[in-house]
Amino acid sequence: MESLHQSTDTTFYQHTANVSDQAFALRVKGDSMTSYSGGKSIPEGSVIIVDPNIQAEHGKVVVARLESSNEATLKQLVEDGGARFLKPFNNSYPTMPINGNCTIIGVVRQVIQDF
């Protein structure tokens, strides 16, 4: 994911997602959300439409800001036995427990891919 630093370059994306006025777009970097075993996949280079006003719930794909690096990560939110985790679609990456190490900043509403 791109860093959360403000940039002077602005690109607008047309989308069909029903989102709030605070929604924003990010371009995916890395392959942690690329599934090589089938199922849902968000490949590197995709643009995601993120809404910070949607409740993050089990099974939703979220963008979280990592406290250690101030970078964003894209993962699926998983709740299990009262604990919360960030789970990649790519099985070669680890599932991260949420323990004060990140802040969820929004829920992904749409993925835009170029061919």
Protein backbone atom coordinates (compact mmCIF):
# COMPACT_ATOMS: atom_id res chain seq x y z
CA MET A 1 0.00 0.00 0.00
CA GLU A 2 1.06 3.54 -0.47
CA SER A 3 2.25 5.49 2.52
CA LEU A 4 -0.32 7.70 4.18
CA HIS A 5 1.71 10.87 3.54
CA GLN A 6 -0.07 13.74 1.80
CA SER A 7 0.82 14.11 -1.85
CA THR A 8 0.39 17.06 -4.17
CA ASP A 9 -0.59 14.76 -7.04
CA THR A 10 -4.31 14.03 -7.12
CA THR A 11 -5.97 11.49 -9.37
CA PHE A 12 -9.74 11.07 -9.51
CA TYR A 13 -11.30 7.67 -10.22
CA GLN A 14 -14.79 7.01 -11.45
CA HIS A 15 -16.47 4.22 -9.53
CA THR A 16 -19.90 2.81 -8.83
CA ALA A 17 -19.47 2.20 -5.09
CA ASN A 18 -22.00 3.71 -2.71
CA VAL A 19 -19.65 5.63 -0.40
CA SER A 20 -19.56 8.68 1.87
CA ASP A 21 -18.00 12.02 0.96
CA GLN A 22 -14.90 11.04 2.96
CA ALA A 23 -14.11 8.03 0.72
CA PHE A 24 -10.71 7.89 -0.95
CA ALA A 25 -8.72 5.74 -3.36
CA LEU A 26 -5.39 3.96 -2.90
CA ARG A 27 -3.26 2.00 -5.33
CA VAL A 28 -2.29 -1.47 -4.07
CA LYS A 29 1.43 -2.20 -3.76
CA GLY A 30 2.68 -5.69 -3.00
CA ASP A 31 1.09 -9.11 -3.37
CA SER A 32 -0.17 -9.91 0.13
CA MET A 33 -3.78 -9.71 -1.11
CA THR A 34 -3.16 -11.68 -4.31
CA SER A 35 -4.64 -15.16 -3.94
CA TYR A 36 -2.77 -17.81 -5.87
CA SER A 37 -5.12 -20.59 -4.69
CA GLY A 38 -8.42 -19.21 -5.99
CA GLY A 39 -11.07 -17.14 -4.27
CA LYS A 40 -10.99 -13.39 -3.75
CA SER A 41 -7.88 -11.59 -4.95
CA ILE A 42 -6.74 -7.96 -5.06
CA PRO A 43 -3.61 -7.89 -7.22
CA GLU A 44 -0.83 -5.32 -7.08
CA GLY A 45 -1.67 -2.24 -9.17
CA SER A 46 -5.39 -2.38 -8.39
CA VAL A 47 -7.07 0.78 -7.13
CA ILE A 48 -9.25 0.35 -4.07
CA ILE A 49 -12.11 2.65 -3.07
CA VAL A 50 -12.08 2.96 0.73
CA ASP A 51 -14.80 4.40 2.97
CA PRO A 52 -13.75 5.41 6.51
CA ASN A 53 -17.39 5.74 7.60
CA ILE A 54 -18.28 2.05 7.25
CA GLN A 55 -18.09 -0.17 10.32
CA ALA A 56 -15.19 -2.64 10.11
CA GLU A 57 -16.68 -6.08 10.72
CA HIS A 58 -15.59 -9.71 10.44
CA GLY A 59 -14.91 -10.67 6.84
CA LYS A 60 -14.59 -7.10 5.50
CA VAL A 61 -11.43 -6.04 3.66
CA VAL A 62 -9.91 -3.07 5.47
CA VAL A 63 -7.07 -0.60 5.25
CA ALA A 64 -5.15 -0.26 8.49
CA ARG A 65 -2.37 2.14 9.47
CA LEU A 66 0.50 0.32 11.14
CA GLU A 67 1.73 2.21 14.22
CA SER A 68 5.33 1.00 13.78
CA SER A 69 5.83 2.40 10.29
CA ASN A 70 2.92 4.82 9.62
CA GLU A 71 2.28 2.83 6.43
CA ALA A 72 -1.01 1.40 5.28
CA THR A 73 -1.76 -2.28 4.90
CA LEU A 74 -4.65 -3.97 3.10
CA LYS A 75 -6.03 -7.11 4.77
CA GLN A 76 -9.24 -8.97 5.60
CA LEU A 77 -10.53 -8.39 9.14
CA VAL A 78 -11.10 -11.67 10.97
CA GLU A 79 -12.68 -11.98 14.41
CA ASP A 80 -12.21 -15.27 16.25
CA GLY A 81 -13.02 -15.94 19.87
CA GLY A 82 -13.02 -12.26 20.79
CA ALA A 83 -9.65 -11.64 19.14
CA ARG A 84 -9.20 -9.64 15.93
CA PHE A 85 -6.70 -10.33 13.15
CA LEU A 86 -5.60 -8.91 9.78
CA LYS A 87 -5.49 -11.78 7.29
CA PRO A 88 -3.88 -11.65 3.83
CA PHE A 89 -5.41 -13.48 0.86
CA ASN A 90 -1.88 -14.70 -0.05
CA ASN A 91 -1.13 -17.68 2.20
CA SER A 92 2.63 -17.02 2.12
CA TYR A 93 2.09 -13.96 4.37
CA PRO A 94 1.31 -14.25 8.10
CA THR A 95 -1.95 -13.31 9.78
CA MET A 96 -1.37 -10.37 12.14
CA PRO A 97 -3.09 -10.13 15.52
CA ILE A 98 -4.58 -6.70 16.24
CA ASN A 99 -3.23 -5.66 19.62
CA GLY A 100 -2.90 -1.90 19.55
CA ASN A 101 -0.39 -2.15 16.68
CA CYS A 102 -2.68 -0.58 14.08
CA THR A 103 -5.67 1.65 13.45
CA ILE A 104 -8.33 0.62 10.95
CA ILE A 105 -8.91 3.63 8.73
CA GLY A 106 -11.53 2.33 6.32
CA VAL A 107 -13.39 -0.51 4.63
CA VAL A 108 -12.81 -1.37 0.98
CA ARG A 109 -15.98 -0.87 -1.06
CA GLN A 110 -14.71 -1.50 -4.59
CA VAL A 111 -11.64 -2.70 -6.49
CA ILE A 112 -10.73 -1.18 -9.86
CA GLN A 113 -8.35 -3.13 -12.11
CA ASP A 114 -6.81 -2.19 -15.43
CA PHE A 115 -6.22 -4.88 -18.04
